[in-house]
mmCIF file of all heavy atoms, coordinates in Angstrom:
data_MODEL
# 
_entry.id   MODEL 
# 
loop_
_atom_site.group_PDB 
_atom_site.id 
_atom_site.type_symbol 
_atom_site.label_atom_id 
_atom_site.label_alt_id 
_atom_site.label_comp_id 
_atom_site.label_asym_id 
_atom_site.label_entity_id 
_atom_site.label_seq_id 
_atom_site.pdbx_PDB_ins_code 
_atom_site.Cartn_x 
_atom_site.Cartn_y 
_atom_site.Cartn_z 
_atom_site.occupancy 
_atom_site.B_iso_or_equiv 
_atom_site.pdbx_formal_charge 
_atom_site.auth_seq_id 
_atom_site.auth_comp_id 
_atom_site.auth_asym_id 
_atom_site.auth_atom_id 
_atom_site.pdbx_PDB_model_num 
ATOM 1   N N   . LEU A 1 1  ? -122.841 -94.050  -98.573  1.00 0.00 ? 1  LEU A N   1 
ATOM 2   C CA  . LEU A 1 1  ? -122.178 -95.252  -98.081  1.00 0.00 ? 1  LEU A CA  1 
ATOM 3   C C   . LEU A 1 1  ? -121.460 -95.962  -99.226  1.00 0.00 ? 1  LEU A C   1 
ATOM 4   O O   . LEU A 1 1  ? -121.859 -95.861  -100.386 1.00 0.00 ? 1  LEU A O   1 
ATOM 5   C CB  . LEU A 1 1  ? -123.203 -96.206  -97.451  1.00 0.00 ? 1  LEU A CB  1 
ATOM 6   C CG  . LEU A 1 1  ? -124.007 -95.679  -96.269  1.00 0.00 ? 1  LEU A CG  1 
ATOM 7   C CD1 . LEU A 1 1  ? -124.977 -96.754  -95.782  1.00 0.00 ? 1  LEU A CD1 1 
ATOM 8   C CD2 . LEU A 1 1  ? -123.101 -95.214  -95.136  1.00 0.00 ? 1  LEU A CD2 1 
ATOM 9   N N   . PHE A 1 2  ? -120.415 -96.708  -98.875  1.00 0.00 ? 2  PHE A N   1 
ATOM 10  C CA  . PHE A 1 2  ? -119.744 -97.549  -99.872  1.00 0.00 ? 2  PHE A CA  1 
ATOM 11  C C   . PHE A 1 2  ? -120.653 -98.747  -100.155 1.00 0.00 ? 2  PHE A C   1 
ATOM 12  O O   . PHE A 1 2  ? -120.898 -99.565  -99.255  1.00 0.00 ? 2  PHE A O   1 
ATOM 13  C CB  . PHE A 1 2  ? -118.396 -98.031  -99.365  1.00 0.00 ? 2  PHE A CB  1 
ATOM 14  C CG  . PHE A 1 2  ? -117.394 -96.932  -99.135  1.00 0.00 ? 2  PHE A CG  1 
ATOM 15  C CD1 . PHE A 1 2  ? -116.930 -96.670  -97.856  1.00 0.00 ? 2  PHE A CD1 1 
ATOM 16  C CD2 . PHE A 1 2  ? -116.920 -96.176  -100.191 1.00 0.00 ? 2  PHE A CD2 1 
ATOM 17  C CE1 . PHE A 1 2  ? -116.001 -95.662  -97.634  1.00 0.00 ? 2  PHE A CE1 1 
ATOM 18  C CE2 . PHE A 1 2  ? -115.992 -95.166  -99.985  1.00 0.00 ? 2  PHE A CE2 1 
ATOM 19  C CZ  . PHE A 1 2  ? -115.534 -94.903  -98.700  1.00 0.00 ? 2  PHE A CZ  1 
ATOM 20  N N   . PRO A 1 3  ? -121.148 -98.915  -101.397 1.00 0.00 ? 3  PRO A N   1 
ATOM 21  C CA  . PRO A 1 3  ? -122.118 -99.982  -101.669 1.00 0.00 ? 3  PRO A CA  1 
ATOM 22  C C   . PRO A 1 3  ? -121.536 -101.383 -101.556 1.00 0.00 ? 3  PRO A C   1 
ATOM 23  O O   . PRO A 1 3  ? -122.266 -102.341 -101.317 1.00 0.00 ? 3  PRO A O   1 
ATOM 24  C CB  . PRO A 1 3  ? -122.564 -99.686  -103.106 1.00 0.00 ? 3  PRO A CB  1 
ATOM 25  C CG  . PRO A 1 3  ? -121.438 -98.912  -103.710 1.00 0.00 ? 3  PRO A CG  1 
ATOM 26  C CD  . PRO A 1 3  ? -120.863 -98.097  -102.588 1.00 0.00 ? 3  PRO A CD  1 
ATOM 27  N N   . HIS A 1 4  ? -120.204 -101.508 -101.721 1.00 0.00 ? 4  HIS A N   1 
ATOM 28  C CA  . HIS A 1 4  ? -119.568 -102.826 -101.702 1.00 0.00 ? 4  HIS A CA  1 
ATOM 29  C C   . HIS A 1 4  ? -119.050 -103.204 -100.320 1.00 0.00 ? 4  HIS A C   1 
ATOM 30  O O   . HIS A 1 4  ? -118.367 -104.229 -100.171 1.00 0.00 ? 4  HIS A O   1 
ATOM 31  C CB  . HIS A 1 4  ? -118.411 -102.842 -102.701 1.00 0.00 ? 4  HIS A CB  1 
ATOM 32  C CG  . HIS A 1 4  ? -117.351 -101.821 -102.429 1.00 0.00 ? 4  HIS A CG  1 
ATOM 33  N ND1 . HIS A 1 4  ? -117.586 -100.476 -102.583 1.00 0.00 ? 4  HIS A ND1 1 
ATOM 34  C CD2 . HIS A 1 4  ? -116.070 -101.936 -101.983 1.00 0.00 ? 4  HIS A CD2 1 
ATOM 35  C CE1 . HIS A 1 4  ? -116.491 -99.807  -102.271 1.00 0.00 ? 4  HIS A CE1 1 
ATOM 36  N NE2 . HIS A 1 4  ? -115.565 -100.666 -101.894 1.00 0.00 ? 4  HIS A NE2 1 
ATOM 37  N N   . ARG A 1 5  ? -119.381 -102.410 -99.307  1.00 0.00 ? 5  ARG A N   1 
ATOM 38  C CA  . ARG A 1 5  ? -118.954 -102.704 -97.943  1.00 0.00 ? 5  ARG A CA  1 
ATOM 39  C C   . ARG A 1 5  ? -120.167 -102.848 -97.039  1.00 0.00 ? 5  ARG A C   1 
ATOM 40  O O   . ARG A 1 5  ? -121.185 -102.192 -97.235  1.00 0.00 ? 5  ARG A O   1 
ATOM 41  C CB  . ARG A 1 5  ? -118.035 -101.603 -97.408  1.00 0.00 ? 5  ARG A CB  1 
ATOM 42  C CG  . ARG A 1 5  ? -116.730 -101.469 -98.183  1.00 0.00 ? 5  ARG A CG  1 
ATOM 43  C CD  . ARG A 1 5  ? -115.787 -100.505 -97.492  1.00 0.00 ? 5  ARG A CD  1 
ATOM 44  N NE  . ARG A 1 5  ? -114.560 -100.292 -98.252  1.00 0.00 ? 5  ARG A NE  1 
ATOM 45  C CZ  . ARG A 1 5  ? -113.501 -101.091 -98.223  1.00 0.00 ? 5  ARG A CZ  1 
ATOM 46  N NH1 . ARG A 1 5  ? -113.541 -102.178 -97.444  1.00 0.00 ? 5  ARG A NH1 1 
ATOM 47  N NH2 . ARG A 1 5  ? -112.433 -100.837 -98.937  1.00 0.00 ? 5  ARG A NH2 1 
ATOM 48  N N   . THR A 1 6  ? -120.064 -103.709 -96.048  1.00 0.00 ? 6  THR A N   1 
ATOM 49  C CA  . THR A 1 6  ? -121.173 -103.915 -95.121  1.00 0.00 ? 6  THR A CA  1 
ATOM 50  C C   . THR A 1 6  ? -121.365 -102.677 -94.250  1.00 0.00 ? 6  THR A C   1 
ATOM 51  O O   . THR A 1 6  ? -120.524 -101.762 -94.236  1.00 0.00 ? 6  THR A O   1 
ATOM 52  C CB  . THR A 1 6  ? -120.906 -105.119 -94.205  1.00 0.00 ? 6  THR A CB  1 
ATOM 53  O OG1 . THR A 1 6  ? -119.778 -104.821 -93.367  1.00 0.00 ? 6  THR A OG1 1 
ATOM 54  C CG2 . THR A 1 6  ? -120.643 -106.378 -95.017  1.00 0.00 ? 6  THR A CG2 1 
ATOM 55  N N   . ALA A 1 7  ? -122.460 -102.688 -93.492  1.00 0.00 ? 7  ALA A N   1 
ATOM 56  C CA  . ALA A 1 7  ? -122.713 -101.574 -92.579  1.00 0.00 ? 7  ALA A CA  1 
ATOM 57  C C   . ALA A 1 7  ? -121.543 -101.380 -91.622  1.00 0.00 ? 7  ALA A C   1 
ATOM 58  O O   . ALA A 1 7  ? -121.064 -100.259 -91.421  1.00 0.00 ? 7  ALA A O   1 
ATOM 59  C CB  . ALA A 1 7  ? -124.009 -101.825 -91.801  1.00 0.00 ? 7  ALA A CB  1 
ATOM 60  N N   . LEU A 1 8  ? -121.063 -102.473 -91.037  1.00 0.00 ? 8  LEU A N   1 
ATOM 61  C CA  . LEU A 1 8  ? -119.947 -102.375 -90.100  1.00 0.00 ? 8  LEU A CA  1 
ATOM 62  C C   . LEU A 1 8  ? -118.686 -101.873 -90.794  1.00 0.00 ? 8  LEU A C   1 
ATOM 63  O O   . LEU A 1 8  ? -117.964 -101.021 -90.253  1.00 0.00 ? 8  LEU A O   1 
ATOM 64  C CB  . LEU A 1 8  ? -119.682 -103.732 -89.453  1.00 0.00 ? 8  LEU A CB  1 
ATOM 65  C CG  . LEU A 1 8  ? -118.533 -103.775 -88.441  1.00 0.00 ? 8  LEU A CG  1 
ATOM 66  C CD1 . LEU A 1 8  ? -118.800 -102.829 -87.273  1.00 0.00 ? 8  LEU A CD1 1 
ATOM 67  C CD2 . LEU A 1 8  ? -118.309 -105.200 -87.944  1.00 0.00 ? 8  LEU A CD2 1 
ATOM 68  N N   . GLU A 1 9  ? -118.410 -102.378 -91.979  1.00 0.00 ? 9  GLU A N   1 
ATOM 69  C CA  . GLU A 1 9  ? -117.212 -101.942 -92.708  1.00 0.00 ? 9  GLU A CA  1 
ATOM 70  C C   . GLU A 1 9  ? -117.285 -100.463 -93.059  1.00 0.00 ? 9  GLU A C   1 
ATOM 71  O O   . GLU A 1 9  ? -116.266 -99.754  -93.040  1.00 0.00 ? 9  GLU A O   1 
ATOM 72  C CB  . GLU A 1 9  ? -117.038 -102.788 -93.969  1.00 0.00 ? 9  GLU A CB  1 
ATOM 73  C CG  . GLU A 1 9  ? -116.615 -104.216 -93.687  1.00 0.00 ? 9  GLU A CG  1 
ATOM 74  C CD  . GLU A 1 9  ? -116.708 -105.109 -94.891  1.00 0.00 ? 9  GLU A CD  1 
ATOM 75  O OE1 . GLU A 1 9  ? -117.415 -104.754 -95.862  1.00 0.00 ? 9  GLU A OE1 1 
ATOM 76  O OE2 . GLU A 1 9  ? -116.088 -106.195 -94.873  1.00 0.00 ? 9  GLU A OE2 1 
ATOM 77  N N   . ASN A 1 10 ? -118.483 -99.963  -93.382  1.00 0.00 ? 10 ASN A N   1 
ATOM 78  C CA  . ASN A 1 10 ? -118.642 -98.540  -93.640  1.00 0.00 ? 10 ASN A CA  1 
ATOM 79  C C   . ASN A 1 10 ? -118.313 -97.716  -92.400  1.00 0.00 ? 10 ASN A C   1 
ATOM 80  O O   . ASN A 1 10 ? -117.679 -96.668  -92.495  1.00 0.00 ? 10 ASN A O   1 
ATOM 81  C CB  . ASN A 1 10 ? -120.065 -98.238  -94.099  1.00 0.00 ? 10 ASN A CB  1 
ATOM 82  C CG  . ASN A 1 10 ? -120.233 -98.262  -95.601  1.00 0.00 ? 10 ASN A CG  1 
ATOM 83  O OD1 . ASN A 1 10 ? -119.922 -97.299  -96.292  1.00 0.00 ? 10 ASN A OD1 1 
ATOM 84  N ND2 . ASN A 1 10 ? -120.722 -99.386  -96.117  1.00 0.00 ? 10 ASN A ND2 1 
ATOM 85  N N   . VAL A 1 11 ? -118.751 -98.198  -91.242  1.00 0.00 ? 11 VAL A N   1 
ATOM 86  C CA  . VAL A 1 11 ? -118.542 -97.447  -90.001  1.00 0.00 ? 11 VAL A CA  1 
ATOM 87  C C   . VAL A 1 11 ? -117.068 -97.394  -89.619  1.00 0.00 ? 11 VAL A C   1 
ATOM 88  O O   . VAL A 1 11 ? -116.563 -96.358  -89.169  1.00 0.00 ? 11 VAL A O   1 
ATOM 89  C CB  . VAL A 1 11 ? -119.382 -98.054  -88.860  1.00 0.00 ? 11 VAL A CB  1 
ATOM 90  C CG1 . VAL A 1 11 ? -119.020 -97.416  -87.518  1.00 0.00 ? 11 VAL A CG1 1 
ATOM 91  C CG2 . VAL A 1 11 ? -120.872 -97.887  -89.140  1.00 0.00 ? 11 VAL A CG2 1 
ATOM 92  N N   . ILE A 1 12 ? -116.345 -98.501  -89.802  1.00 0.00 ? 12 ILE A N   1 
ATOM 93  C CA  . ILE A 1 12 ? -114.976 -98.570  -89.286  1.00 0.00 ? 12 ILE A CA  1 
ATOM 94  C C   . ILE A 1 12 ? -113.917 -98.159  -90.312  1.00 0.00 ? 12 ILE A C   1 
ATOM 95  O O   . ILE A 1 12 ? -112.724 -98.106  -89.966  1.00 0.00 ? 12 ILE A O   1 
ATOM 96  C CB  . ILE A 1 12 ? -114.657 -99.984  -88.760  1.00 0.00 ? 12 ILE A CB  1 
ATOM 97  C CG1 . ILE A 1 12 ? -114.621 -101.007 -89.903  1.00 0.00 ? 12 ILE A CG1 1 
ATOM 98  C CG2 . ILE A 1 12 ? -115.670 -100.395 -87.699  1.00 0.00 ? 12 ILE A CG2 1 
ATOM 99  C CD1 . ILE A 1 12 ? -114.228 -102.406 -89.449  1.00 0.00 ? 12 ILE A CD1 1 
ATOM 100 N N   . GLU A 1 13 ? -114.319 -97.847  -91.535  1.00 0.00 ? 13 GLU A N   1 
ATOM 101 C CA  . GLU A 1 13 ? -113.344 -97.507  -92.576  1.00 0.00 ? 13 GLU A CA  1 
ATOM 102 C C   . GLU A 1 13 ? -112.425 -96.361  -92.133  1.00 0.00 ? 13 GLU A C   1 
ATOM 103 O O   . GLU A 1 13 ? -111.198 -96.433  -92.270  1.00 0.00 ? 13 GLU A O   1 
ATOM 104 C CB  . GLU A 1 13 ? -114.074 -97.136  -93.865  1.00 0.00 ? 13 GLU A CB  1 
ATOM 105 C CG  . GLU A 1 13 ? -113.170 -96.764  -95.031  1.00 0.00 ? 13 GLU A CG  1 
ATOM 106 C CD  . GLU A 1 13 ? -112.503 -97.961  -95.678  1.00 0.00 ? 13 GLU A CD  1 
ATOM 107 O OE1 . GLU A 1 13 ? -112.855 -99.106  -95.335  1.00 0.00 ? 13 GLU A OE1 1 
ATOM 108 O OE2 . GLU A 1 13 ? -111.626 -97.744  -96.535  1.00 0.00 ? 13 GLU A OE2 1 
ATOM 109 N N   . GLY A 1 14 ? -113.013 -95.299  -91.599  1.00 0.00 ? 14 GLY A N   1 
ATOM 110 C CA  . GLY A 1 14 ? -112.201 -94.155  -91.193  1.00 0.00 ? 14 GLY A CA  1 
ATOM 111 C C   . GLY A 1 14 ? -111.275 -94.472  -90.033  1.00 0.00 ? 14 GLY A C   1 
ATOM 112 O O   . GLY A 1 14 ? -110.151 -93.957  -89.962  1.00 0.00 ? 14 GLY A O   1 
ATOM 113 N N   . LEU A 1 15 ? -111.741 -95.303  -89.108  1.00 0.00 ? 15 LEU A N   1 
ATOM 114 C CA  . LEU A 1 15 ? -110.903 -95.673  -87.973  1.00 0.00 ? 15 LEU A CA  1 
ATOM 115 C C   . LEU A 1 15 ? -109.645 -96.412  -88.436  1.00 0.00 ? 15 LEU A C   1 
ATOM 116 O O   . LEU A 1 15 ? -108.556 -96.203  -87.895  1.00 0.00 ? 15 LEU A O   1 
ATOM 117 C CB  . LEU A 1 15 ? -111.697 -96.551  -87.006  1.00 0.00 ? 15 LEU A CB  1 
ATOM 118 C CG  . LEU A 1 15 ? -112.822 -95.867  -86.228  1.00 0.00 ? 15 LEU A CG  1 
ATOM 119 C CD1 . LEU A 1 15 ? -113.592 -96.893  -85.405  1.00 0.00 ? 15 LEU A CD1 1 
ATOM 120 C CD2 . LEU A 1 15 ? -112.275 -94.768  -85.336  1.00 0.00 ? 15 LEU A CD2 1 
ATOM 121 N N   . ILE A 1 16 ? -109.797 -97.269  -89.426  1.00 0.00 ? 16 ILE A N   1 
ATOM 122 C CA  . ILE A 1 16 ? -108.673 -98.074  -89.900  1.00 0.00 ? 16 ILE A CA  1 
ATOM 123 C C   . ILE A 1 16 ? -107.758 -97.267  -90.820  1.00 0.00 ? 16 ILE A C   1 
ATOM 124 O O   . ILE A 1 16 ? -106.536 -97.257  -90.662  1.00 0.00 ? 16 ILE A O   1 
ATOM 125 C CB  . ILE A 1 16 ? -109.188 -99.343  -90.617  1.00 0.00 ? 16 ILE A CB  1 
ATOM 126 C CG1 . ILE A 1 16 ? -109.904 -100.252 -89.609  1.00 0.00 ? 16 ILE A CG1 1 
ATOM 127 C CG2 . ILE A 1 16 ? -108.040 -100.084 -91.293  1.00 0.00 ? 16 ILE A CG2 1 
ATOM 128 C CD1 . ILE A 1 16 ? -110.609 -101.432 -90.238  1.00 0.00 ? 16 ILE A CD1 1 
ATOM 129 N N   . VAL A 1 17 ? -108.357 -96.564  -91.791  1.00 0.00 ? 17 VAL A N   1 
ATOM 130 C CA  . VAL A 1 17 ? -107.566 -95.884  -92.821  1.00 0.00 ? 17 VAL A CA  1 
ATOM 131 C C   . VAL A 1 17 ? -106.980 -94.570  -92.314  1.00 0.00 ? 17 VAL A C   1 
ATOM 132 O O   . VAL A 1 17 ? -105.814 -94.256  -92.564  1.00 0.00 ? 17 VAL A O   1 
ATOM 133 C CB  . VAL A 1 17 ? -108.428 -95.637  -94.076  1.00 0.00 ? 17 VAL A CB  1 
ATOM 134 C CG1 . VAL A 1 17 ? -107.661 -94.818  -95.111  1.00 0.00 ? 17 VAL A CG1 1 
ATOM 135 C CG2 . VAL A 1 17 ? -108.884 -96.961  -94.679  1.00 0.00 ? 17 VAL A CG2 1 
ATOM 136 N N   . VAL A 1 18 ? -107.807 -93.785  -91.603  1.00 0.00 ? 18 VAL A N   1 
ATOM 137 C CA  . VAL A 1 18 ? -107.370 -92.448  -91.179  1.00 0.00 ? 18 VAL A CA  1 
ATOM 138 C C   . VAL A 1 18 ? -106.702 -92.478  -89.810  1.00 0.00 ? 18 VAL A C   1 
ATOM 139 O O   . VAL A 1 18 ? -105.609 -91.940  -89.616  1.00 0.00 ? 18 VAL A O   1 
ATOM 140 C CB  . VAL A 1 18 ? -108.561 -91.469  -91.169  1.00 0.00 ? 18 VAL A CB  1 
ATOM 141 C CG1 . VAL A 1 18 ? -108.119 -90.094  -90.702  1.00 0.00 ? 18 VAL A CG1 1 
ATOM 142 C CG2 . VAL A 1 18 ? -109.185 -91.377  -92.558  1.00 0.00 ? 18 VAL A CG2 1 
ATOM 143 N N   . LYS A 1 19 ? -107.351 -93.143  -88.852  1.00 0.00 ? 19 LYS A N   1 
ATOM 144 C CA  . LYS A 1 19 ? -106.822 -93.132  -87.486  1.00 0.00 ? 19 LYS A CA  1 
ATOM 145 C C   . LYS A 1 19 ? -105.887 -94.296  -87.181  1.00 0.00 ? 19 LYS A C   1 
ATOM 146 O O   . LYS A 1 19 ? -105.309 -94.369  -86.093  1.00 0.00 ? 19 LYS A O   1 
ATOM 147 C CB  . LYS A 1 19 ? -107.975 -93.109  -86.482  1.00 0.00 ? 19 LYS A CB  1 
ATOM 148 C CG  . LYS A 1 19 ? -108.739 -91.787  -86.490  1.00 0.00 ? 19 LYS A CG  1 
ATOM 149 C CD  . LYS A 1 19 ? -109.532 -91.597  -85.215  1.00 0.00 ? 19 LYS A CD  1 
ATOM 150 C CE  . LYS A 1 19 ? -110.043 -90.183  -85.088  1.00 0.00 ? 19 LYS A CE  1 
ATOM 151 N NZ  . LYS A 1 19 ? -110.703 -89.926  -83.786  1.00 0.00 ? 19 LYS A NZ  1 
ATOM 152 N N   . ARG A 1 20 ? -105.750 -95.223  -88.126  1.00 0.00 ? 20 ARG A N   1 
ATOM 153 C CA  . ARG A 1 20 ? -104.801 -96.333  -88.011  1.00 0.00 ? 20 ARG A CA  1 
ATOM 154 C C   . ARG A 1 20 ? -105.086 -97.272  -86.836  1.00 0.00 ? 20 ARG A C   1 
ATOM 155 O O   . ARG A 1 20 ? -104.179 -97.815  -86.216  1.00 0.00 ? 20 ARG A O   1 
ATOM 156 C CB  . ARG A 1 20 ? -103.365 -95.799  -87.902  1.00 0.00 ? 20 ARG A CB  1 
ATOM 157 C CG  . ARG A 1 20 ? -102.947 -94.877  -89.027  1.00 0.00 ? 20 ARG A CG  1 
ATOM 158 C CD  . ARG A 1 20 ? -102.945 -95.587  -90.357  1.00 0.00 ? 20 ARG A CD  1 
ATOM 159 N NE  . ARG A 1 20 ? -102.483 -94.723  -91.442  1.00 0.00 ? 20 ARG A NE  1 
ATOM 160 C CZ  . ARG A 1 20 ? -102.452 -95.069  -92.732  1.00 0.00 ? 20 ARG A CZ  1 
ATOM 161 N NH1 . ARG A 1 20 ? -102.856 -96.291  -93.078  1.00 0.00 ? 20 ARG A NH1 1 
ATOM 162 N NH2 . ARG A 1 20 ? -102.054 -94.237  -93.644  1.00 0.00 ? 20 ARG A NH2 1 
ATOM 163 N N   . TRP A 1 21 ? -106.377 -97.448  -86.515  1.00 0.00 ? 21 TRP A N   1 
ATOM 164 C CA  . TRP A 1 21 ? -106.740 -98.414  -85.482  1.00 0.00 ? 21 TRP A CA  1 
ATOM 165 C C   . TRP A 1 21 ? -106.508 -99.827  -86.012  1.00 0.00 ? 21 TRP A C   1 
ATOM 166 O O   . TRP A 1 21 ? -106.633 -100.082 -87.226  1.00 0.00 ? 21 TRP A O   1 
ATOM 167 C CB  . TRP A 1 21 ? -108.203 -98.261  -85.113  1.00 0.00 ? 21 TRP A CB  1 
ATOM 168 C CG  . TRP A 1 21 ? -108.525 -97.085  -84.223  1.00 0.00 ? 21 TRP A CG  1 
ATOM 169 C CD1 . TRP A 1 21 ? -107.910 -95.873  -84.195  1.00 0.00 ? 21 TRP A CD1 1 
ATOM 170 C CD2 . TRP A 1 21 ? -109.576 -97.041  -83.255  1.00 0.00 ? 21 TRP A CD2 1 
ATOM 171 N NE1 . TRP A 1 21 ? -108.514 -95.056  -83.269  1.00 0.00 ? 21 TRP A NE1 1 
ATOM 172 C CE2 . TRP A 1 21 ? -109.537 -95.743  -82.675  1.00 0.00 ? 21 TRP A CE2 1 
ATOM 173 C CE3 . TRP A 1 21 ? -110.540 -97.938  -82.824  1.00 0.00 ? 21 TRP A CE3 1 
ATOM 174 C CZ2 . TRP A 1 21 ? -110.428 -95.354  -81.692  1.00 0.00 ? 21 TRP A CZ2 1 
ATOM 175 C CZ3 . TRP A 1 21 ? -111.428 -97.550  -81.843  1.00 0.00 ? 21 TRP A CZ3 1 
ATOM 176 C CH2 . TRP A 1 21 ? -111.377 -96.273  -81.271  1.00 0.00 ? 21 TRP A CH2 1 
ATOM 177 N N   . ASN A 1 22 ? -106.226 -100.766 -85.139  1.00 0.00 ? 22 ASN A N   1 
ATOM 178 C CA  . ASN A 1 22 ? -106.187 -102.161 -85.579  1.00 0.00 ? 22 ASN A CA  1 
ATOM 179 C C   . ASN A 1 22 ? -107.634 -102.640 -85.784  1.00 0.00 ? 22 ASN A C   1 
ATOM 180 O O   . ASN A 1 22 ? -108.575 -102.085 -85.202  1.00 0.00 ? 22 ASN A O   1 
ATOM 181 C CB  . ASN A 1 22 ? -105.431 -103.059 -84.591  1.00 0.00 ? 22 ASN A CB  1 
ATOM 182 C CG  . ASN A 1 22 ? -106.118 -103.170 -83.245  1.00 0.00 ? 22 ASN A CG  1 
ATOM 183 O OD1 . ASN A 1 22 ? -107.236 -103.691 -83.144  1.00 0.00 ? 22 ASN A OD1 1 
ATOM 184 N ND2 . ASN A 1 22 ? -105.466 -102.677 -82.192  1.00 0.00 ? 22 ASN A ND2 1 
ATOM 185 N N   . ARG A 1 23 ? -107.771 -103.651 -86.610  1.00 0.00 ? 23 ARG A N   1 
ATOM 186 C CA  . ARG A 1 23 ? -109.114 -104.037 -87.052  1.00 0.00 ? 23 ARG A CA  1 
ATOM 187 C C   . ARG A 1 23 ? -109.994 -104.544 -85.905  1.00 0.00 ? 23 ARG A C   1 
ATOM 188 O O   . ARG A 1 23 ? -111.190 -104.267 -85.879  1.00 0.00 ? 23 ARG A O   1 
ATOM 189 C CB  . ARG A 1 23 ? -109.014 -105.112 -88.143  1.00 0.00 ? 23 ARG A CB  1 
ATOM 190 C CG  . ARG A 1 23 ? -110.354 -105.532 -88.726  1.00 0.00 ? 23 ARG A CG  1 
ATOM 191 C CD  . ARG A 1 23 ? -110.185 -106.315 -90.008  1.00 0.00 ? 23 ARG A CD  1 
ATOM 192 N NE  . ARG A 1 23 ? -109.700 -105.464 -91.079  1.00 0.00 ? 23 ARG A NE  1 
ATOM 193 C CZ  . ARG A 1 23 ? -110.500 -104.714 -91.851  1.00 0.00 ? 23 ARG A CZ  1 
ATOM 194 N NH1 . ARG A 1 23 ? -111.809 -104.711 -91.637  1.00 0.00 ? 23 ARG A NH1 1 
ATOM 195 N NH2 . ARG A 1 23 ? -109.992 -103.989 -92.821  1.00 0.00 ? 23 ARG A NH2 1 
ATOM 196 N N   . SER A 1 24 ? -109.436 -105.246 -84.941  1.00 0.00 ? 24 SER A N   1 
ATOM 197 C CA  . SER A 1 24 ? -110.268 -105.776 -83.861  1.00 0.00 ? 24 SER A CA  1 
ATOM 198 C C   . SER A 1 24 ? -110.826 -104.657 -82.994  1.00 0.00 ? 24 SER A C   1 
ATOM 199 O O   . SER A 1 24 ? -112.002 -104.679 -82.610  1.00 0.00 ? 24 SER A O   1 
ATOM 200 C CB  . SER A 1 24 ? -109.462 -106.770 -83.020  1.00 0.00 ? 24 SER A CB  1 
ATOM 201 O OG  . SER A 1 24 ? -108.356 -106.128 -82.414  1.00 0.00 ? 24 SER A OG  1 
# 
């Protein structure tokens, strides 16, 4: 896990960066 990101931020990182989902 990324130590500087919360549990939720770790889960959604790929959705935002790779799949280009909007944050909400």
